[in-house]
PDB file of N, CA and C in Angstrom:
ATOM      1  N   UNK A   1      85.045  83.958 111.798  1.00  0.00           N
ATOM      2  CA  UNK A   1      86.043  84.952 111.467  1.00  0.00           C
ATOM      3  C   UNK A   1      85.467  86.363 111.636  1.00  0.00           C
ATOM      4  N   UNK A   2      84.228  86.558 111.192  1.00  0.00           N
ATOM      5  CA  UNK A   2      83.602  87.879 111.311  1.00  0.00           C
ATOM      6  C   UNK A   2      83.560  88.334 112.765  1.00  0.00           C
ATOM      7  N   UNK A   3      83.082  87.465 113.654  1.00  0.00           N
ATOM      8  CA  UNK A   3      82.967  87.830 115.071  1.00  0.00           C
ATOM      9  C   UNK A   3      84.334  88.092 115.694  1.00  0.00           C
ATOM     10  N   UNK A   4      85.313  87.276 115.344  1.00  0.00           N
ATOM     11  CA  UNK A   4      86.668  87.466 115.858  1.00  0.00           C
ATOM     12  C   UNK A   4      87.212  88.822 115.410  1.00  0.00           C
ATOM     13  N   UNK A   5      87.116  89.119 114.120  1.00  0.00           N
ATOM     14  CA  UNK A   5      87.599  90.402 113.604  1.00  0.00           C
ATOM     15  C   UNK A   5      86.904  91.574 114.279  1.00  0.00           C
ATOM     16  N   UNK A   6      85.610  91.457 114.466  1.00  0.00           N
ATOM     17  CA  UNK A   6      84.845  92.523 115.105  1.00  0.00           C
ATOM     18  C   UNK A   6      85.295  92.713 116.554  1.00  0.00           C
ATOM     19  N   UNK A   7      85.524  91.626 117.258  1.00  0.00           N
ATOM     20  CA  UNK A   7      85.986  91.707 118.645  1.00  0.00           C
ATOM     21  C   UNK A   7      87.376  92.343 118.734  1.00  0.00           C
ATOM     22  N   UNK A   8      88.272  91.953 117.843  1.00  0.00           N
ATOM     23  CA  UNK A   8      89.626  92.524 117.843  1.00  0.00           C
ATOM     24  C   UNK A   8      89.582  94.011 117.496  1.00  0.00           C
ATOM     25  N   UNK A   9      88.814  94.382 116.481  1.00  0.00           N
ATOM     26  CA  UNK A   9      88.695  95.790 116.096  1.00  0.00           C
ATOM     27  C   UNK A   9      88.134  96.620 117.245  1.00  0.00           C
ATOM     28  N   UNK A  10      87.157  96.073 117.945  1.00  0.00           N
ATOM     29  CA  UNK A  10      86.566  96.773 119.090  1.00  0.00           C
ATOM     30  C   UNK A  10      87.591  96.940 120.202  1.00  0.00           C
ATOM     31  N   UNK A  11      88.292  95.877 120.541  1.00  0.00           N
ATOM     32  CA  UNK A  11      89.279  95.930 121.617  1.00  0.00           C
ATOM     33  C   UNK A  11      90.407  96.912 121.297  1.00  0.00           C
ATOM     34  N   UNK A  12      90.906  96.873 120.074  1.00  0.00           N
ATOM     35  CA  UNK A  12      91.979  97.796 119.693  1.00  0.00           C
ATOM     36  C   UNK A  12      91.497  99.243 119.706  1.00  0.00           C
ATOM     37  N   UNK A  13      90.307  99.463 119.218  1.00  0.00           N
ATOM     38  CA  UNK A  13      89.768 100.816 119.191  1.00  0.00           C
ATOM     39  C   UNK A  13      89.558 101.358 120.594  1.00  0.00           C
ATOM     40  N   UNK A  14      89.032 100.525 121.486  1.00  0.00           N
ATOM     41  CA  UNK A  14      88.805 100.965 122.865  1.00  0.00           C
ATOM     42  C   UNK A  14      90.114 101.271 123.582  1.00  0.00           C
ATOM     43  N   UNK A  15      91.205 100.644 123.153  1.00  0.00           N
ATOM     44  CA  UNK A  15      92.519 100.891 123.747  1.00  0.00           C
ATOM     45  C   UNK A  15      93.290 101.960 122.976  1.00  0.00           C
ATOM     46  N   UNK A  16      92.658 102.510 121.945  1.00  0.00           N
ATOM     47  CA  UNK A  16      93.256 103.537 121.099  1.00  0.00           C
ATOM     48  C   UNK A  16      94.552 103.048 120.455  1.00  0.00           C
ATOM     49  N   UNK A  17      94.510 101.820 119.975  1.00  0.00           N
ATOM     50  CA  UNK A  17      95.651 101.186 119.319  1.00  0.00           C
ATOM     51  C   UNK A  17      95.218 100.763 117.923  1.00  0.00           C
ATOM     52  N   UNK A  18      96.105 100.899 116.980  1.00  0.00           N
ATOM     53  CA  UNK A  18      95.803 100.422 115.633  1.00  0.00           C
ATOM     54  C   UNK A  18      95.166 101.477 114.763  1.00  0.00           C
ATOM     55  N   UNK A  19      94.649 101.023 113.647  1.00  0.00           N
ATOM     56  CA  UNK A  19      94.179 101.941 112.605  1.00  0.00           C
ATOM     57  C   UNK A  19      92.714 102.342 112.721  1.00  0.00           C
ATOM     58  N   UNK A  20      91.958 101.733 113.643  1.00  0.00           N
ATOM     59  CA  UNK A  20      90.522 102.007 113.776  1.00  0.00           C
ATOM     60  C   UNK A  20      89.770 101.697 112.487  1.00  0.00           C
ATOM     61  N   UNK A  21      90.180 100.617 111.848  1.00  0.00           N
ATOM     62  CA  UNK A  21      89.604 100.226 110.573  1.00  0.00           C
ATOM     63  C   UNK A  21      89.489  98.711 110.518  1.00  0.00           C
ATOM     64  N   UNK A  22      88.320  98.239 110.122  1.00  0.00           N
ATOM     65  CA  UNK A  22      88.109  96.812 109.880  1.00  0.00           C
ATOM     66  C   UNK A  22      87.601  96.679 108.454  1.00  0.00           C
ATOM     67  N   UNK A  23      88.289  95.883 107.671  1.00  0.00           N
ATOM     68  CA  UNK A  23      87.954  95.715 106.270  1.00  0.00           C
ATOM     69  C   UNK A  23      87.640  94.252 105.988  1.00  0.00           C
ATOM     70  N   UNK A  24      86.546  94.027 105.289  1.00  0.00           N
ATOM     71  CA  UNK A  24      86.192  92.688 104.829  1.00  0.00           C
ATOM     72  C   UNK A  24      85.832  92.734 103.355  1.00  0.00           C
ATOM     73  N   UNK A  25      86.218  91.715 102.654  1.00  0.00           N
ATOM     74  CA  UNK A  25      85.760  91.488 101.300  1.00  0.00           C
ATOM     75  C   UNK A  25      84.496  90.641 101.396  1.00  0.00           C
ATOM     76  N   UNK A  26      83.730  90.577 100.355  1.00  0.00           N
ATOM     77  CA  UNK A  26      82.464  89.840 100.390  1.00  0.00           C
ATOM     78  C   UNK A  26      82.642  88.357 100.696  1.00  0.00           C
ATOM     79  N   UNK A  27      83.838  87.827 100.511  1.00  0.00           N
ATOM     80  CA  UNK A  27      84.045  86.401 100.782  1.00  0.00           C
ATOM     81  C   UNK A  27      83.848  86.067 102.259  1.00  0.00           C
ATOM     82  N   UNK A  28      83.879  87.056 103.135  1.00  0.00           N
ATOM     83  CA  UNK A  28      83.645  86.809 104.563  1.00  0.00           C
ATOM     84  C   UNK A  28      82.244  86.223 104.770  1.00  0.00           C
ATOM     85  N   UNK A  29      81.328  86.516 103.861  1.00  0.00           N
ATOM     86  CA  UNK A  29      79.955  86.038 103.974  1.00  0.00           C
ATOM     87  C   UNK A  29      79.625  84.925 102.983  1.00  0.00           C
ATOM     88  N   UNK A  30      80.637  84.333 102.377  1.00  0.00           N
ATOM     89  CA  UNK A  30      80.418  83.268 101.404  1.00  0.00           C
ATOM     90  C   UNK A  30      79.727  82.082 102.069  1.00  0.00           C
ATOM     91  N   UNK A  31      78.599  81.689 101.509  1.00  0.00           N
ATOM     92  CA  UNK A  31      77.860  80.549 102.031  1.00  0.00           C
ATOM     93  C   UNK A  31      77.030  80.845 103.268  1.00  0.00           C
ATOM     94  N   UNK A  32      76.933  82.116 103.641  1.00  0.00           N
ATOM     95  CA  UNK A  32      76.179  82.502 104.840  1.00  0.00           C
ATOM     96  C   UNK A  32      74.735  82.810 104.450  1.00  0.00           C
ATOM     97  N   UNK A  33      73.814  82.372 105.275  1.00  0.00           N
ATOM     98  CA  UNK A  33      72.387  82.616 105.079  1.00  0.00           C
ATOM     99  C   UNK A  33      72.113  84.122 105.011  1.00  0.00           C
ATOM    100  N   UNK A  34      71.226  84.590 104.123  1.00  0.00           N
ATOM    101  CA  UNK A  34      70.926  86.020 104.001  1.00  0.00           C
ATOM    102  C   UNK A  34      70.505  86.681 105.318  1.00  0.00           C
ATOM    103  N   UNK A  35      69.739  85.967 106.127  1.00  0.00           N
ATOM    104  CA  UNK A  35      69.318  86.525 107.413  1.00  0.00           C
ATOM    105  C   UNK A  35      70.520  86.767 108.322  1.00  0.00           C
ATOM    106  N   UNK A  36      71.468  85.851 108.304  1.00  0.00           N
ATOM    107  CA  UNK A  36      72.679  86.023 109.114  1.00  0.00           C
ATOM    108  C   UNK A  36      73.554  87.144 108.578  1.00  0.00           C
ATOM    109  N   UNK A  37      73.610  87.293 107.263  1.00  0.00           N
ATOM    110  CA  UNK A  37      74.345  88.422 106.669  1.00  0.00           C
ATOM    111  C   UNK A  37      73.749  89.734 107.146  1.00  0.00           C
ATOM    112  N   UNK A  38      72.436  89.820 107.114  1.00  0.00           N
ATOM    113  CA  UNK A  38      71.756  91.046 107.531  1.00  0.00           C
ATOM    114  C   UNK A  38      72.050  91.358 109.002  1.00  0.00           C
ATOM    115  N   UNK A  39      71.999  90.343 109.839  1.00  0.00           N
ATOM    116  CA  UNK A  39      72.300  90.548 111.267  1.00  0.00           C
ATOM    117  C   UNK A  39      73.742  90.990 111.466  1.00  0.00           C
ATOM    118  N   UNK A  40      74.646  90.422 110.690  1.00  0.00           N
ATOM    119  CA  UNK A  40      76.059  90.802 110.784  1.00  0.00           C
ATOM    120  C   UNK A  40      76.272  92.253 110.361  1.00  0.00           C
ATOM    121  N   UNK A  41      75.595  92.671 109.303  1.00  0.00           N
ATOM    122  CA  UNK A  41      75.731  94.057 108.849  1.00  0.00           C
ATOM    123  C   UNK A  41      75.197  95.039 109.889  1.00  0.00           C
ATOM    124  N   UNK A  42      74.067  94.708 110.498  1.00  0.00           N
ATOM    125  CA  UNK A  42      73.530  95.550 111.569  1.00  0.00           C
ATOM    126  C   UNK A  42      74.508  95.623 112.746  1.00  0.00           C
ATOM    127  N   UNK A  43      75.048  94.463 113.122  1.00  0.00           N
ATOM    128  CA  UNK A  43      75.988  94.400 114.239  1.00  0.00           C
ATOM    129  C   UNK A  43      77.256  95.202 113.940  1.00  0.00           C
ATOM    130  N   UNK A  44      77.795  95.054 112.748  1.00  0.00           N
ATOM    131  CA  UNK A  44      79.003  95.792 112.373  1.00  0.00           C
ATOM    132  C   UNK A  44      78.768  97.295 112.412  1.00  0.00           C
ATOM    133  N   UNK A  45      77.628  97.735 111.912  1.00  0.00           N
ATOM    134  CA  UNK A  45      77.316  99.164 111.929  1.00  0.00           C
ATOM    135  C   UNK A  45      77.195  99.675 113.361  1.00  0.00           C
ATOM    136  N   UNK A  46      76.478  98.943 114.188  1.00  0.00           N
ATOM    137  CA  UNK A  46      76.292  99.349 115.588  1.00  0.00           C
ATOM    138  C   UNK A  46      77.613  99.351 116.348  1.00  0.00           C
ATOM    139  N   UNK A  47      78.415  98.313 116.161  1.00  0.00           N
ATOM    140  CA  UNK A  47      79.667  98.193 116.901  1.00  0.00           C
ATOM    141  C   UNK A  47      80.695  99.222 116.435  1.00  0.00           C
ATOM    142  N   UNK A  48      80.738  99.511 115.155  1.00  0.00           N
ATOM    143  CA  UNK A  48      81.672 100.511 114.641  1.00  0.00           C
ATOM    144  C   UNK A  48      81.371 101.888 115.227  1.00  0.00           C
ATOM    145  N   UNK A  49      80.104 102.214 115.348  1.00  0.00           N
ATOM    146  CA  UNK A  49      79.734 103.500 115.954  1.00  0.00           C
ATOM    147  C   UNK A  49      80.059 103.502 117.446  1.00  0.00           C
ATOM    148  N   UNK A  50      79.709 102.433 118.134  1.00  0.00           N
ATOM    149  CA  UNK A  50      79.919 102.356 119.582  1.00  0.00           C
ATOM    150  C   UNK A  50      81.397 102.400 119.956  1.00  0.00           C
ATOM    151  N   UNK A  51      82.240 101.730 119.170  1.00  0.00           N
ATOM    152  CA  UNK A  51      83.666 101.651 119.509  1.00  0.00           C
ATOM    153  C   UNK A  51      84.519 102.633 118.694  1.00  0.00           C
ATOM    154  N   UNK A  52      83.873 103.440 117.868  1.00  0.00           N
ATOM    155  CA  UNK A  52      84.545 104.482 117.096  1.00  0.00           C
ATOM    156  C   UNK A  52      85.628 103.934 116.165  1.00  0.00           C
ATOM    157  N   UNK A  53      85.239 102.989 115.317  1.00  0.00           N
ATOM    158  CA  UNK A  53      86.132 102.562 114.246  1.00  0.00           C
ATOM    159  C   UNK A  53      85.321 102.490 112.963  1.00  0.00           C
ATOM    160  N   UNK A  54      86.011 102.346 111.859  1.00  0.00           N
ATOM    161  CA  UNK A  54      85.344 102.310 110.566  1.00  0.00           C
ATOM    162  C   UNK A  54      85.301 100.875 110.055  1.00  0.00           C
ATOM    163  N   UNK A  55      84.133 100.469 109.588  1.00  0.00           N
ATOM    164  CA  UNK A  55      83.965  99.139 109.005  1.00  0.00           C
ATOM    165  C   UNK A  55      83.763  99.286 107.505  1.00  0.00           C
ATOM    166  N   UNK A  56      84.643  98.687 106.742  1.00  0.00           N
ATOM    167  CA  UNK A  56      84.536  98.711 105.289  1.00  0.00           C
ATOM    168  C   UNK A  56      84.223  97.316 104.786  1.00  0.00           C
ATOM    169  N   UNK A  57      83.235  97.231 103.932  1.00  0.00           N
ATOM    170  CA  UNK A  57      82.860  95.964 103.314  1.00  0.00           C
ATOM    171  C   UNK A  57      82.725  96.179 101.819  1.00  0.00           C
ATOM    172  N   UNK A  58      83.452  95.402 101.069  1.00  0.00           N
ATOM    173  CA  UNK A  58      83.305  95.423  99.609  1.00  0.00           C
ATOM    174  C   UNK A  58      82.407  94.258  99.235  1.00  0.00           C
ATOM    175  N   UNK A  59      81.269  94.573  98.653  1.00  0.00           N
ATOM    176  CA  UNK A  59      80.288  93.538  98.336  1.00  0.00           C
ATOM    177  C   UNK A  59      79.527  93.934  97.071  1.00  0.00           C
ATOM    178  N   UNK A  60      79.196  92.946  96.271  1.00  0.00           N
ATOM    179  CA  UNK A  60      78.360  93.195  95.099  1.00  0.00           C
ATOM    180  C   UNK A  60      76.933  93.434  95.561  1.00  0.00           C
ATOM    181  N   UNK A  61      76.279  94.375  94.944  1.00  0.00           N
ATOM    182  CA  UNK A  61      74.914  94.711  95.341  1.00  0.00           C
ATOM    183  C   UNK A  61      73.988  93.496  95.278  1.00  0.00           C
ATOM    184  N   UNK A  62      74.235  92.605  94.338  1.00  0.00           N
ATOM    185  CA  UNK A  62      73.404  91.406  94.208  1.00  0.00           C
ATOM    186  C   UNK A  62      73.551  90.470  95.409  1.00  0.00           C
ATOM    187  N   UNK A  63      74.626  90.611  96.174  1.00  0.00           N
ATOM    188  CA  UNK A  63      74.860  89.765  97.345  1.00  0.00           C
ATOM    189  C   UNK A  63      74.337  90.370  98.643  1.00  0.00           C
ATOM    190  N   UNK A  64      73.800  91.569  98.573  1.00  0.00           N
ATOM    191  CA  UNK A  64      73.251  92.217  99.770  1.00  0.00           C
ATOM    192  C   UNK A  64      71.861  91.636 100.044  1.00  0.00           C
ATOM    193  N   UNK A  65      71.585  91.207 101.269  1.00  0.00           N
ATOM    194  CA  UNK A  65      70.279  90.612 101.592  1.00  0.00           C
ATOM    195  C   UNK A  65      69.209  91.690 101.826  1.00  0.00           C
ATOM    196  N   UNK A  66      68.813  92.362 100.760  1.00  0.00           N
ATOM    197  CA  UNK A  66      67.895  93.502 100.874  1.00  0.00           C
ATOM    198  C   UNK A  66      66.595  93.139 101.592  1.00  0.00           C
ATOM    199  N   UNK A  67      66.040  91.984 101.312  1.00  0.00           N
ATOM    200  CA  UNK A  67      64.769  91.595 101.941  1.00  0.00           C
ATOM    201  C   UNK A  67      64.897  91.462 103.455  1.00  0.00           C
ATOM    202  N   UNK A  68      66.057  91.056 103.919  1.00  0.00           N
ATOM    203  CA  UNK A  68      66.277  90.895 105.362  1.00  0.00           C
ATOM    204  C   UNK A  68      66.742  92.190 106.017  1.00  0.00           C
ATOM    205  N   UNK A  69      66.940  93.234 105.236  1.00  0.00           N
ATOM    206  CA  UNK A  69      67.395  94.526 105.766  1.00  0.00           C
ATOM    207  C   UNK A  69      66.314  95.602 105.669  1.00  0.00           C
ATOM    208  N   UNK A  70      65.069  95.182 105.534  1.00  0.00           N
ATOM    209  CA  UNK A  70      63.981  96.157 105.369  1.00  0.00           C
ATOM    210  C   UNK A  70      63.935  97.185 106.490  1.00  0.00           C
ATOM    211  N   UNK A  71      64.243  96.775 107.707  1.00  0.00           N
ATOM    212  CA  UNK A  71      64.176  97.680 108.857  1.00  0.00           C
ATOM    213  C   UNK A  71      65.512  98.356 109.158  1.00  0.00           C
ATOM    214  N   UNK A  72      66.474  98.252 108.260  1.00  0.00           N
ATOM    215  CA  UNK A  72      67.806  98.815 108.459  1.00  0.00           C
ATOM    216  C   UNK A  72      68.192  99.604 107.216  1.00  0.00           C
ATOM    217  N   UNK A  73      68.521 100.859 107.385  1.00  0.00           N
ATOM    218  CA  UNK A  73      68.836 101.739 106.252  1.00  0.00           C
ATOM    219  C   UNK A  73      70.301 101.584 105.846  1.00  0.00           C
ATOM    220  N   UNK A  74      70.619 100.471 105.221  1.00  0.00           N
ATOM    221  CA  UNK A  74      72.000 100.188 104.833  1.00  0.00           C
ATOM    222  C   UNK A  74      72.566 101.277 103.938  1.00  0.00           C
ATOM    223  N   UNK A  75      71.760 101.792 103.037  1.00  0.00           N
ATOM    224  CA  UNK A  75      72.256 102.822 102.098  1.00  0.00           C
ATOM    225  C   UNK A  75      72.768 104.071 102.825  1.00  0.00           C
ATOM    226  N   UNK A  76      72.314 104.312 104.048  1.00  0.00           N
ATOM    227  CA  UNK A  76      72.825 105.437 104.828  1.00  0.00           C
ATOM    228  C   UNK A  76      74.301 105.260 105.170  1.00  0.00           C
ATOM    229  N   UNK A  77      74.780 104.025 105.114  1.00  0.00           N
ATOM    230  CA  UNK A  77      76.166 103.729 105.469  1.00  0.00           C
ATOM    231  C   UNK A  77      77.072 103.593 104.249  1.00  0.00           C
ATOM    232  N   UNK A  78      76.506 103.585 103.065  1.00  0.00           N
ATOM    233  CA  UNK A  78      77.293 103.429 101.840  1.00  0.00           C
ATOM    234  C   UNK A  78      78.029 104.737 101.555  1.00  0.00           C
ATOM    235  N   UNK A  79      79.327 104.643 101.403  1.00  0.00           N
ATOM    236  CA  UNK A  79      80.138 105.830 101.137  1.00  0.00           C
ATOM    237  C   UNK A  79      80.652 105.885  99.713  1.00  0.00           C
ATOM    238  N   UNK A  80      80.717 104.727  99.072  1.00  0.00           N
ATOM    239  CA  UNK A  80      81.252 104.676  97.713  1.00  0.00           C
ATOM    240  C   UNK A  80      80.622 103.505  96.966  1.00  0.00           C
ATOM    241  N   UNK A  81      80.156 103.784  95.779  1.00  0.00           N
ATOM    242  CA  UNK A  81      79.639 102.719  94.917  1.00  0.00           C
ATOM    243  C   UNK A  81      80.448 102.738  93.635  1.00  0.00           C
ATOM    244  N   UNK A  82      81.005 101.596  93.302  1.00  0.00           N
ATOM    245  CA  UNK A  82      81.769 101.454  92.071  1.00  0.00           C
ATOM    246  C   UNK A  82      80.911 100.698  91.069  1.00  0.00           C
ATOM    247  N   UNK A  83      81.019 101.081  89.819  1.00  0.00           N
ATOM    248  CA  UNK A  83      80.224 100.435  88.786  1.00  0.00           C
ATOM    249  C   UNK A  83      81.061 100.267  87.527  1.00  0.00           C
ATOM    250  N   UNK A  84      80.689  99.317  86.731  1.00  0.00           N
ATOM    251  CA  UNK A  84      81.382  99.131  85.460  1.00  0.00           C
ATOM    252  C   UNK A  84      80.460  99.438  84.284  1.00  0.00           C
ATOM    253  N   UNK A  85      79.372 100.161  84.556  1.00  0.00           N
ATOM    254  CA  UNK A  85      78.469 100.561  83.480  1.00  0.00           C
ATOM    255  C   UNK A  85      78.716 102.027  83.137  1.00  0.00           C
ATOM    256  N   UNK A  86      78.260 102.425  81.962  1.00  0.00           N
ATOM    257  CA  UNK A  86      78.441 103.807  81.540  1.00  0.00           C
ATOM    258  C   UNK A  86      79.747 103.981  80.799  1.00  0.00           C
ATOM    259  N   UNK A  87      80.227 105.211  80.797  1.00  0.00           N
ATOM    260  CA  UNK A  87      81.416 105.515  79.991  1.00  0.00           C
ATOM    261  C   UNK A  87      82.728 105.508  80.777  1.00  0.00           C
ATOM    262  N   UNK A  88      82.674 105.315  82.104  1.00  0.00           N
ATOM    263  CA  UNK A  88      83.886 105.451  82.889  1.00  0.00           C
ATOM    264  C   UNK A  88      84.641 104.182  83.174  1.00  0.00           C
ATOM    265  N   UNK A  89      84.036 103.025  82.993  1.00  0.00           N
ATOM    266  CA  UNK A  89      84.704 101.795  83.384  1.00  0.00           C
ATOM    267  C   UNK A  89      84.777 101.717  84.902  1.00  0.00           C
ATOM    268  N   UNK A  90      85.623 100.874  85.409  1.00  0.00           N
ATOM    269  CA  UNK A  90      85.793 100.731  86.850  1.00  0.00           C
ATOM    270  C   UNK A  90      86.929 101.634  87.291  1.00  0.00           C
ATOM    271  N   UNK A  91      86.633 102.573  88.175  1.00  0.00           N
ATOM    272  CA  UNK A  91      87.605 103.565  88.645  1.00  0.00           C
ATOM    273  C   UNK A  91      88.218 104.342  87.483  1.00  0.00           C
ATOM    274  N   UNK A  92      87.450 104.549  86.446  1.00  0.00           N
ATOM    275  CA  UNK A  92      87.903 105.320  85.311  1.00  0.00           C
ATOM    276  C   UNK A  92      88.794 104.555  84.338  1.00  0.00           C
ATOM    277  N   UNK A  93      88.985 103.267  84.587  1.00  0.00           N
ATOM    278  CA  UNK A  93      89.834 102.445  83.728  1.00  0.00           C
ATOM    279  C   UNK A  93      88.935 101.550  82.876  1.00  0.00           C
ATOM    280  N   UNK A  94      89.166 101.565  81.584  1.00  0.00           N
ATOM    281  CA  UNK A  94      88.378 100.729  80.685  1.00  0.00           C
ATOM    282  C   UNK A  94      89.147  99.444  80.423  1.00  0.00           C
ATOM    283  N   UNK A  95      88.484  98.318  80.579  1.00  0.00           N
ATOM    284  CA  UNK A  95      89.120  97.017  80.385  1.00  0.00           C
ATOM    285  C   UNK A  95      88.698  96.401  79.086  1.00  0.00           C
TER     286      UNK A  95
END
């Protein structure tokens, strides 16, 4: 599914059709080996820049394969971090 979505997003972007946005929830990587997750994240970052679209991934920090991303500055691509610690709750809403 990941490769298919990436191919479609690339094709649409190159044709200047669609929203230029690919969004995945963390379930896209459910059951995937950490090394493969890391390779997918590198590929998504490279392809999004090359084809000029935005790739959004919502993932828990604990699910990020940090050890397999040592040579890739993933944090450079992080635009928003949500947390449920502190006084704000999630998005300012207390549950």
